[in-house]
N, C-alpha and C. Protein backbone atom coordinates (compact mmCIF):
# COMPACT_ATOMS: atom_id res chain seq x y z
N MET A 1 53.50 -43.51 168.02
CA MET A 1 53.33 -44.42 166.30
C MET A 1 54.44 -45.32 166.92
N LYS A 2 54.44 -46.25 166.40
CA LYS A 2 55.45 -46.89 166.35
C LYS A 2 56.60 -47.46 165.43
N LYS A 3 57.54 -47.61 166.23
CA LYS A 3 59.08 -47.00 164.99
C LYS A 3 59.26 -48.50 164.08
N PRO A 4 59.52 -48.13 162.76
CA PRO A 4 59.26 -49.41 162.09
C PRO A 4 60.61 -50.01 162.39
N ARG A 5 60.30 -51.30 162.07
CA ARG A 5 60.87 -52.74 161.94
C ARG A 5 62.59 -52.14 161.40
N LYS A 6 63.81 -52.86 161.53
CA LYS A 6 64.68 -52.65 160.45
C LYS A 6 64.43 -54.03 159.66
N ALA A 7 64.19 -54.26 158.44
CA ALA A 7 64.01 -55.28 157.45
C ALA A 7 65.28 -55.97 157.48
N LEU A 8 65.11 -57.17 157.75
CA LEU A 8 66.08 -58.44 157.51
C LEU A 8 66.27 -58.94 156.06
N ILE A 9 67.48 -59.40 155.82
CA ILE A 9 67.91 -60.15 154.94
C ILE A 9 67.44 -61.55 154.63
N SER A 10 66.72 -61.99 154.01
CA SER A 10 65.92 -63.43 154.08
C SER A 10 66.96 -64.10 152.44
N THR A 11 66.86 -63.25 151.65
CA THR A 11 67.83 -63.98 150.50
C THR A 11 68.30 -62.42 150.08
N GLY A 12 69.84 -62.80 149.37
CA GLY A 12 70.26 -61.89 148.46
C GLY A 12 71.36 -61.66 149.02
N MET A 13 71.97 -60.36 148.57
CA MET A 13 73.49 -59.96 149.10
C MET A 13 73.74 -59.43 150.71
N VAL A 14 74.52 -59.98 151.29
CA VAL A 14 74.86 -59.59 152.43
C VAL A 14 76.48 -58.81 152.75
N SER A 15 77.49 -59.32 151.28
CA SER A 15 78.53 -58.36 151.47
C SER A 15 79.30 -58.17 150.06
N GLU A 16 80.28 -57.66 149.53
CA GLU A 16 80.41 -58.19 148.53
C GLU A 16 82.16 -57.56 148.77
N ASN A 17 83.16 -58.03 147.92
CA ASN A 17 84.25 -57.62 148.34
C ASN A 17 84.65 -57.65 146.40
N ARG A 18 84.36 -55.91 146.57
CA ARG A 18 84.61 -55.20 145.12
C ARG A 18 86.14 -55.48 144.93
N ARG A 19 87.29 -54.70 145.95
CA ARG A 19 88.66 -54.72 145.76
C ARG A 19 89.50 -55.54 145.43
N ALA A 20 88.41 -56.88 145.67
CA ALA A 20 88.80 -58.00 144.97
C ALA A 20 89.89 -58.32 143.47
N ARG A 21 88.59 -57.85 142.80
CA ARG A 21 88.46 -57.63 141.31
C ARG A 21 89.59 -57.01 140.92
N TYR A 22 89.55 -55.76 141.68
CA TYR A 22 90.85 -54.81 141.13
C TYR A 22 92.02 -55.39 141.65
N ASP A 23 92.12 -55.93 143.05
CA ASP A 23 93.94 -56.22 142.87
C ASP A 23 93.77 -57.68 142.36
N TYR A 24 93.58 -58.58 141.83
CA TYR A 24 93.48 -60.00 141.35
C TYR A 24 92.60 -60.00 140.12
N ALA A 25 93.46 -60.82 139.74
CA ALA A 25 92.68 -62.08 138.31
C ALA A 25 92.09 -62.94 138.37
N ILE A 26 90.27 -63.01 138.75
CA ILE A 26 89.69 -63.95 138.96
C ILE A 26 89.79 -64.99 137.55
N GLU A 27 90.00 -66.59 137.95
CA GLU A 27 90.06 -67.19 136.85
C GLU A 27 88.94 -68.20 136.73
N THR A 28 88.77 -68.98 138.15
CA THR A 28 87.92 -69.76 138.55
C THR A 28 86.63 -69.57 139.71
N THR A 29 85.81 -69.27 139.47
CA THR A 29 84.83 -68.97 140.93
C THR A 29 84.29 -70.13 141.00
N VAL A 30 83.69 -70.92 142.80
CA VAL A 30 82.98 -72.00 142.90
C VAL A 30 82.38 -71.42 144.46
N GLU A 31 80.82 -72.08 144.47
CA GLU A 31 80.20 -71.42 145.51
C GLU A 31 80.51 -72.26 147.03
N ALA A 32 80.46 -71.79 148.30
CA ALA A 32 81.16 -72.92 149.23
C ALA A 32 79.95 -72.48 150.08
N GLY A 33 79.44 -73.58 151.56
CA GLY A 33 78.85 -73.53 152.42
C GLY A 33 79.75 -72.74 153.44
N LEU A 34 79.21 -72.47 154.13
CA LEU A 34 79.96 -71.97 155.51
C LEU A 34 79.25 -72.39 156.44
N VAL A 35 79.94 -72.82 157.91
CA VAL A 35 79.57 -73.55 159.04
C VAL A 35 79.55 -72.32 160.44
N LEU A 36 78.21 -71.65 160.57
CA LEU A 36 78.05 -70.49 161.05
C LEU A 36 77.34 -70.83 162.45
N SER A 37 77.20 -70.57 163.62
CA SER A 37 77.01 -70.36 164.93
C SER A 37 75.12 -69.05 164.86
N GLY A 38 74.58 -69.42 165.71
CA GLY A 38 73.28 -68.80 165.67
C GLY A 38 73.66 -67.23 165.58
N SER A 39 74.34 -66.80 166.08
CA SER A 39 74.28 -65.10 166.52
C SER A 39 75.40 -64.87 165.34
N GLU A 40 75.73 -65.44 164.49
CA GLU A 40 76.56 -65.34 163.16
C GLU A 40 75.53 -65.11 161.89
N VAL A 41 74.35 -66.06 162.28
CA VAL A 41 73.34 -65.98 161.13
C VAL A 41 72.78 -64.95 161.43
N LYS A 42 72.27 -64.62 162.64
CA LYS A 42 71.24 -63.11 163.23
C LYS A 42 72.27 -61.99 162.35
N SER A 43 73.67 -62.05 162.32
CA SER A 43 74.24 -60.83 162.00
C SER A 43 74.18 -60.54 160.57
N LEU A 44 74.56 -61.34 160.19
CA LEU A 44 74.29 -61.59 158.63
C LEU A 44 72.89 -61.18 157.89
N ARG A 45 72.00 -61.86 158.28
CA ARG A 45 70.59 -61.56 157.96
C ARG A 45 70.36 -59.89 158.57
N HIS A 46 70.92 -59.33 159.07
CA HIS A 46 70.88 -57.84 159.25
C HIS A 46 71.68 -57.26 158.41
N GLY A 47 72.66 -57.58 157.41
CA GLY A 47 73.45 -57.55 156.52
C GLY A 47 74.73 -56.77 157.45
N GLN A 48 75.06 -56.96 158.05
CA GLN A 48 76.36 -57.06 159.27
C GLN A 48 77.42 -57.98 158.36
N ALA A 49 78.66 -57.53 157.60
CA ALA A 49 79.56 -58.66 157.39
C ALA A 49 80.23 -57.96 156.71
N ASN A 50 82.13 -58.28 156.54
CA ASN A 50 82.68 -57.05 155.88
C ASN A 50 83.92 -58.26 155.46
N LEU A 51 84.29 -58.50 153.98
CA LEU A 51 84.84 -59.50 153.22
C LEU A 51 86.20 -58.69 152.44
N SER A 52 86.74 -57.63 152.98
CA SER A 52 87.84 -56.33 152.65
C SER A 52 88.84 -57.71 152.96
N ASP A 53 89.34 -57.45 154.21
CA ASP A 53 90.32 -58.26 154.56
C ASP A 53 90.52 -59.73 154.43
N SER A 54 89.59 -60.57 154.01
CA SER A 54 89.28 -62.03 154.39
C SER A 54 90.50 -62.67 153.17
N TYR A 55 90.48 -63.95 153.48
CA TYR A 55 90.97 -64.72 152.34
C TYR A 55 90.74 -66.23 152.75
N ALA A 56 90.59 -67.17 151.75
CA ALA A 56 90.10 -68.81 152.24
C ALA A 56 91.72 -69.40 152.07
N GLY A 57 92.31 -70.42 153.36
CA GLY A 57 93.09 -71.23 153.18
C GLY A 57 93.04 -72.17 153.65
N GLY A 58 94.03 -73.37 153.63
CA GLY A 58 94.09 -74.99 154.06
C GLY A 58 93.89 -74.25 156.02
N MET A 59 93.02 -75.59 156.36
CA MET A 59 92.68 -75.58 157.62
C MET A 59 93.34 -77.41 158.23
N LYS A 60 93.87 -76.86 159.35
CA LYS A 60 94.73 -78.36 160.17
C LYS A 60 93.75 -79.33 160.82
N SER A 61 93.44 -80.33 159.80
CA SER A 61 92.51 -81.25 160.55
C SER A 61 92.94 -82.47 160.26
N GLY A 62 92.26 -84.02 160.64
CA GLY A 62 92.74 -85.33 160.72
C GLY A 62 93.32 -85.08 159.40
N GLY A 63 94.49 -84.68 158.52
CA GLY A 63 94.61 -84.95 157.40
C GLY A 63 93.82 -84.80 156.37
N GLU A 64 92.86 -84.11 156.23
CA GLU A 64 91.82 -84.17 155.22
C GLU A 64 92.27 -82.83 154.45
N ALA A 65 91.96 -82.99 153.53
CA ALA A 65 91.87 -81.11 152.69
C ALA A 65 90.69 -80.52 152.91
N GLU A 66 90.97 -79.26 153.77
CA GLU A 66 89.68 -78.62 154.30
C GLU A 66 90.01 -77.28 153.90
N LEU A 67 88.81 -76.50 153.73
CA LEU A 67 89.42 -74.56 153.53
C LEU A 67 88.27 -74.41 154.68
N ALA A 68 89.51 -73.30 155.17
CA ALA A 68 88.31 -72.04 155.92
C ALA A 68 88.69 -70.75 155.21
N LEU A 69 87.65 -70.02 156.03
CA LEU A 69 87.47 -68.75 155.80
C LEU A 69 87.86 -67.58 156.57
N TYR A 70 89.12 -67.26 156.69
CA TYR A 70 90.13 -66.21 157.53
C TYR A 70 89.71 -64.76 157.48
N ASN A 71 89.28 -64.56 158.75
CA ASN A 71 90.00 -62.68 158.96
C ASN A 71 88.37 -62.30 157.95
N ALA A 72 87.34 -62.67 158.05
CA ALA A 72 86.17 -62.27 157.64
C ALA A 72 85.74 -61.81 158.88
N TYR A 73 84.76 -60.24 158.92
CA TYR A 73 84.19 -60.06 160.35
C TYR A 73 82.88 -60.15 160.04
N ILE A 74 82.46 -60.90 160.85
CA ILE A 74 80.96 -60.53 161.27
C ILE A 74 81.12 -59.86 162.69
N PRO A 75 79.92 -59.19 162.58
CA PRO A 75 79.99 -58.68 164.36
C PRO A 75 78.87 -59.36 165.37
N GLU A 76 79.37 -59.59 166.58
CA GLU A 76 78.43 -60.15 167.44
C GLU A 76 76.93 -59.59 167.24
N TYR A 77 76.38 -60.61 167.63
CA TYR A 77 74.76 -60.00 167.31
C TYR A 77 74.35 -59.23 168.45
N ALA A 78 73.71 -58.49 169.42
CA ALA A 78 73.69 -57.75 170.15
C ALA A 78 72.59 -58.20 171.07
N LYS A 79 71.50 -58.85 170.61
CA LYS A 79 70.82 -59.56 171.35
C LYS A 79 70.71 -60.88 171.75
N ALA A 80 72.68 -61.06 171.18
CA ALA A 80 72.67 -62.93 171.14
C ALA A 80 72.54 -62.75 173.68
N THR A 81 73.04 -64.13 173.75
CA THR A 81 72.98 -64.60 175.22
C THR A 81 74.60 -64.42 175.70
N ILE A 82 74.80 -64.46 176.39
CA ILE A 82 76.47 -65.05 176.83
C ILE A 82 77.31 -65.98 175.85
N TYR A 83 76.21 -66.31 175.09
CA TYR A 83 77.41 -67.50 174.10
C TYR A 83 77.53 -66.47 172.34
N GLN A 84 78.13 -65.86 172.74
CA GLN A 84 78.41 -64.81 171.24
C GLN A 84 79.53 -65.56 170.40
N HIS A 85 79.79 -65.09 169.21
CA HIS A 85 80.78 -65.64 168.62
C HIS A 85 81.95 -64.47 168.74
N GLU A 86 83.15 -65.13 168.18
CA GLU A 86 84.40 -64.37 167.64
C GLU A 86 83.90 -63.18 166.48
N ALA A 87 84.37 -62.35 166.44
CA ALA A 87 83.86 -61.41 164.98
C ALA A 87 85.07 -62.16 164.28
N ARG A 88 86.09 -62.31 164.13
CA ARG A 88 87.23 -62.77 163.03
C ARG A 88 87.49 -64.36 163.07
N ARG A 89 86.91 -64.64 163.82
CA ARG A 89 87.22 -66.38 164.09
C ARG A 89 87.05 -67.15 162.15
N PRO A 90 88.36 -68.11 162.25
CA PRO A 90 88.01 -68.78 160.92
C PRO A 90 87.22 -69.63 161.36
N ARG A 91 86.09 -69.76 159.91
CA ARG A 91 85.05 -70.48 159.81
C ARG A 91 85.04 -71.51 158.12
N LYS A 92 84.62 -73.05 158.98
CA LYS A 92 85.01 -73.90 158.06
C LYS A 92 84.33 -73.78 156.85
N LEU A 93 84.70 -73.72 155.62
CA LEU A 93 84.16 -73.81 154.57
C LEU A 93 83.55 -75.49 154.01
N LEU A 94 82.38 -75.21 153.39
CA LEU A 94 82.10 -76.59 153.16
C LEU A 94 81.75 -76.69 151.54
N LEU A 95 83.20 -77.94 151.40
CA LEU A 95 83.36 -78.11 149.77
C LEU A 95 83.59 -79.64 150.03
N HIS A 96 83.56 -79.91 148.55
CA HIS A 96 83.61 -81.14 148.34
C HIS A 96 85.12 -81.90 148.72
N LYS A 97 85.45 -82.72 149.22
CA LYS A 97 86.91 -83.46 149.44
C LYS A 97 87.74 -83.28 147.99
N ARG A 98 87.86 -83.47 146.80
CA ARG A 98 88.59 -83.09 145.61
C ARG A 98 88.52 -81.90 145.06
N GLU A 99 87.45 -80.89 145.76
CA GLU A 99 87.71 -80.13 144.93
C GLU A 99 88.35 -78.74 145.56
N ALA A 100 88.68 -79.04 147.11
CA ALA A 100 88.99 -78.63 148.14
C ALA A 100 90.67 -79.24 147.71
N ARG A 101 90.66 -79.85 147.50
CA ARG A 101 91.82 -80.72 147.24
C ARG A 101 92.49 -79.91 145.70
N LYS A 102 91.74 -80.11 144.97
CA LYS A 102 92.04 -79.55 144.00
C LYS A 102 92.69 -78.11 143.82
N TRP A 103 92.06 -76.89 144.73
CA TRP A 103 92.15 -75.37 144.86
C TRP A 103 93.34 -76.09 145.80
N LEU A 104 93.42 -76.33 147.14
CA LEU A 104 94.87 -76.25 147.84
C LEU A 104 95.68 -76.35 146.91
N GLY A 105 95.98 -77.31 146.14
CA GLY A 105 97.00 -77.95 145.47
C GLY A 105 97.92 -76.56 144.42
N ALA A 106 96.81 -76.00 143.75
CA ALA A 106 96.83 -74.60 142.56
C ALA A 106 97.46 -73.69 143.12
N VAL A 107 96.79 -73.22 144.98
CA VAL A 107 97.14 -72.76 145.36
C VAL A 107 99.21 -72.98 146.50
N ALA A 108 99.32 -74.13 146.57
CA ALA A 108 100.56 -74.60 146.70
C ALA A 108 101.49 -74.75 145.39
N ARG A 109 101.15 -75.61 144.52
CA ARG A 109 102.13 -75.45 143.60
C ARG A 109 101.87 -73.96 142.36
N GLU A 110 101.13 -73.33 142.06
CA GLU A 110 101.26 -72.14 140.88
C GLU A 110 101.15 -70.77 141.39
N GLY A 111 101.20 -71.05 143.15
CA GLY A 111 101.41 -69.50 144.16
C GLY A 111 100.12 -68.57 143.42
N ARG A 112 98.81 -69.06 143.59
CA ARG A 112 97.62 -68.40 143.37
C ARG A 112 96.89 -68.12 145.07
N THR A 113 96.19 -67.51 144.68
CA THR A 113 95.29 -67.17 146.07
C THR A 113 93.78 -67.60 145.99
N ILE A 114 93.10 -68.05 147.43
CA ILE A 114 91.63 -67.84 147.02
C ILE A 114 91.16 -66.68 147.74
N VAL A 115 90.30 -65.86 146.95
CA VAL A 115 89.54 -64.79 147.91
C VAL A 115 88.14 -64.90 147.92
N PRO A 116 87.40 -64.75 148.65
CA PRO A 116 86.02 -64.38 148.97
C PRO A 116 85.36 -63.18 148.23
N LEU A 117 84.51 -63.51 147.26
CA LEU A 117 84.00 -62.47 146.57
C LEU A 117 82.77 -61.69 147.02
N LYS A 118 82.14 -62.66 147.26
CA LYS A 118 80.40 -62.32 147.93
C LYS A 118 80.28 -63.37 149.04
N LEU A 119 79.51 -62.80 149.73
CA LEU A 119 78.99 -63.70 151.22
C LEU A 119 77.25 -63.56 150.86
N TYR A 120 76.31 -63.98 150.82
CA TYR A 120 75.01 -64.16 150.38
C TYR A 120 74.44 -65.23 150.86
N PHE A 121 73.11 -65.31 150.99
CA PHE A 121 71.73 -66.40 151.07
C PHE A 121 71.22 -66.70 149.47
N ASN A 122 71.44 -68.32 149.75
CA ASN A 122 71.08 -68.47 148.63
C ASN A 122 69.44 -68.43 148.30
N ASP A 123 68.71 -69.11 147.39
CA ASP A 123 66.76 -68.87 147.10
C ASP A 123 66.75 -70.02 148.27
N LYS A 124 67.22 -70.63 149.20
CA LYS A 124 66.74 -71.37 150.23
C LYS A 124 67.01 -70.84 151.35
N GLY A 125 67.63 -69.84 151.91
CA GLY A 125 68.03 -68.87 152.85
C GLY A 125 69.37 -69.32 153.59
N ILE A 126 70.16 -70.03 152.75
CA ILE A 126 71.55 -70.59 153.19
C ILE A 126 72.85 -69.63 153.17
N ALA A 127 73.61 -69.39 153.95
CA ALA A 127 74.78 -68.48 153.60
C ALA A 127 75.73 -69.10 152.91
N LYS A 128 75.81 -68.37 151.25
CA LYS A 128 76.89 -69.15 150.83
C LYS A 128 78.16 -67.56 150.76
N VAL A 129 79.30 -68.42 150.65
CA VAL A 129 80.06 -67.47 149.79
C VAL A 129 80.97 -67.88 148.71
N LEU A 130 81.06 -67.28 147.80
CA LEU A 130 81.44 -66.99 146.07
C LEU A 130 83.00 -67.10 146.61
N LEU A 131 83.84 -67.99 145.91
CA LEU A 131 85.29 -67.81 146.24
C LEU A 131 86.34 -67.82 144.76
N GLY A 132 87.11 -67.34 144.60
CA GLY A 132 87.60 -67.28 143.62
C GLY A 132 88.81 -67.64 143.87
N LEU A 133 89.99 -68.23 142.68
CA LEU A 133 91.17 -68.87 142.15
C LEU A 133 91.45 -67.48 141.68
N ALA A 134 92.65 -66.62 142.46
CA ALA A 134 93.04 -65.99 141.63
C ALA A 134 94.35 -65.38 141.90
N THR A 135 95.24 -65.17 140.38
CA THR A 135 96.30 -64.57 140.63
C THR A 135 96.38 -63.03 140.64
N GLY A 136 97.87 -63.05 141.58
CA GLY A 136 97.52 -60.97 141.82
C GLY A 136 98.00 -60.42 140.64
N LYS A 137 97.19 -58.76 140.65
CA LYS A 137 97.77 -58.36 139.52
C LYS A 137 98.60 -57.61 139.76
N LYS A 138 99.79 -57.03 139.18
CA LYS A 138 101.26 -56.12 138.69
C LYS A 138 100.58 -54.47 138.95
N GLN A 139 101.23 -53.52 139.29
CA GLN A 139 100.62 -52.04 139.37
C GLN A 139 100.14 -51.76 137.55
N HIS A 140 101.52 -52.33 136.71
CA HIS A 140 100.57 -52.04 135.55
C HIS A 140 99.54 -52.50 134.65
N ASP A 141 99.16 -54.06 135.30
CA ASP A 141 98.07 -54.62 134.98
C ASP A 141 96.50 -53.68 135.97
N LYS A 142 97.11 -53.35 136.69
CA LYS A 142 95.50 -52.41 137.48
C LYS A 142 95.42 -51.27 136.33
N ARG A 143 96.71 -50.44 135.76
CA ARG A 143 96.69 -49.37 135.32
C ARG A 143 95.78 -49.27 134.32
N ASP A 144 96.57 -50.83 133.20
CA ASP A 144 95.38 -51.07 131.55
C ASP A 144 93.74 -51.64 132.27
N THR A 145 93.64 -52.14 133.24
CA THR A 145 92.20 -52.18 133.29
C THR A 145 91.35 -51.08 133.65
N GLU A 146 91.91 -50.22 134.83
CA GLU A 146 91.38 -48.91 134.80
C GLU A 146 91.71 -48.12 133.84
N LYS A 147 92.42 -47.99 132.26
CA LYS A 147 92.13 -47.37 131.64
C LYS A 147 91.43 -47.72 130.17
N ASP A 148 90.89 -49.18 130.52
CA ASP A 148 90.01 -50.14 129.87
C ASP A 148 88.68 -49.89 129.86
N ARG A 149 88.70 -49.51 131.65
CA ARG A 149 87.22 -49.48 131.87
C ARG A 149 86.90 -48.04 131.56
N ASP A 150 87.85 -46.97 131.97
CA ASP A 150 87.65 -45.71 131.22
C ASP A 150 87.15 -45.82 130.02
N TRP A 151 87.58 -46.11 129.05
CA TRP A 151 87.56 -46.18 127.50
C TRP A 151 85.69 -46.77 127.38
N GLN A 152 85.94 -47.81 127.99
CA GLN A 152 84.71 -48.65 127.76
C GLN A 152 83.43 -47.08 128.58
N ARG A 153 83.52 -47.05 129.53
CA ARG A 153 82.92 -45.01 129.99
C ARG A 153 82.47 -44.31 129.27
N ASP A 154 83.56 -43.67 128.31
CA ASP A 154 83.35 -42.96 127.25
C ASP A 154 83.00 -43.26 125.95
N LYS A 155 83.04 -44.77 125.87
CA LYS A 155 82.81 -45.05 124.28
C LYS A 155 81.29 -44.65 124.88
N ALA A 156 80.46 -45.45 125.46
CA ALA A 156 79.17 -45.17 125.61
C ALA A 156 78.26 -43.91 126.13
N ARG A 157 78.93 -43.27 126.70
CA ARG A 157 78.65 -41.62 126.39
C ARG A 157 78.54 -41.30 125.20
N ILE A 158 79.63 -41.33 124.13
CA ILE A 158 79.96 -41.25 122.77
C ILE A 158 78.56 -41.62 122.22
N MET A 159 78.29 -43.12 122.25
CA MET A 159 77.69 -43.28 121.57
C MET A 159 75.76 -42.97 122.14
N ARG A 160 76.36 -42.71 123.37
CA ARG A 160 74.70 -41.78 124.10
C ARG A 160 73.98 -40.84 122.96
N ASP A 161 75.53 -40.26 122.91
CA ASP A 161 75.21 -38.37 122.84
C ASP A 161 74.43 -38.20 121.04
N ARG A 162 75.04 -39.31 120.71
CA ARG A 162 75.19 -39.05 119.54
C ARG A 162 73.60 -39.98 118.50
N GLY A 163 73.32 -40.87 119.50
CA GLY A 163 72.31 -40.76 118.87
C GLY A 163 71.32 -42.54 119.52
């Protein structure tokens, strides 16, 4: 009997950074493209990626404002040739110059952070990353968020039991 093949992700979610919404207050989001090599796309299609420790920041290039995704883990593709990619290399993000300048200015002036929230394939099968402009939460903010979430869960449970 033939062994079933592992399904590929043609469209949909590859990886989500759920910890980011707990650690940061996300103010605005933007969708950006990624410059990837072939073996990286193959690894993503198999659903292998991790955004937990990653961040976005400025990239040094010929005086232009460019963003890059740092420390995102995309493992090497096992069936690739000798031309493999590095698992944690910086990956260039594709944004309009004006938008990239605006986000980098917010990071420099206001002390904000650019956090990747999701890595996914859009309807056309192109890899995209959802970035959020965020400010860090203090410990008491995290406790308030957790308290509100618990209250909403308890409230829904009470309403469900009553009728």
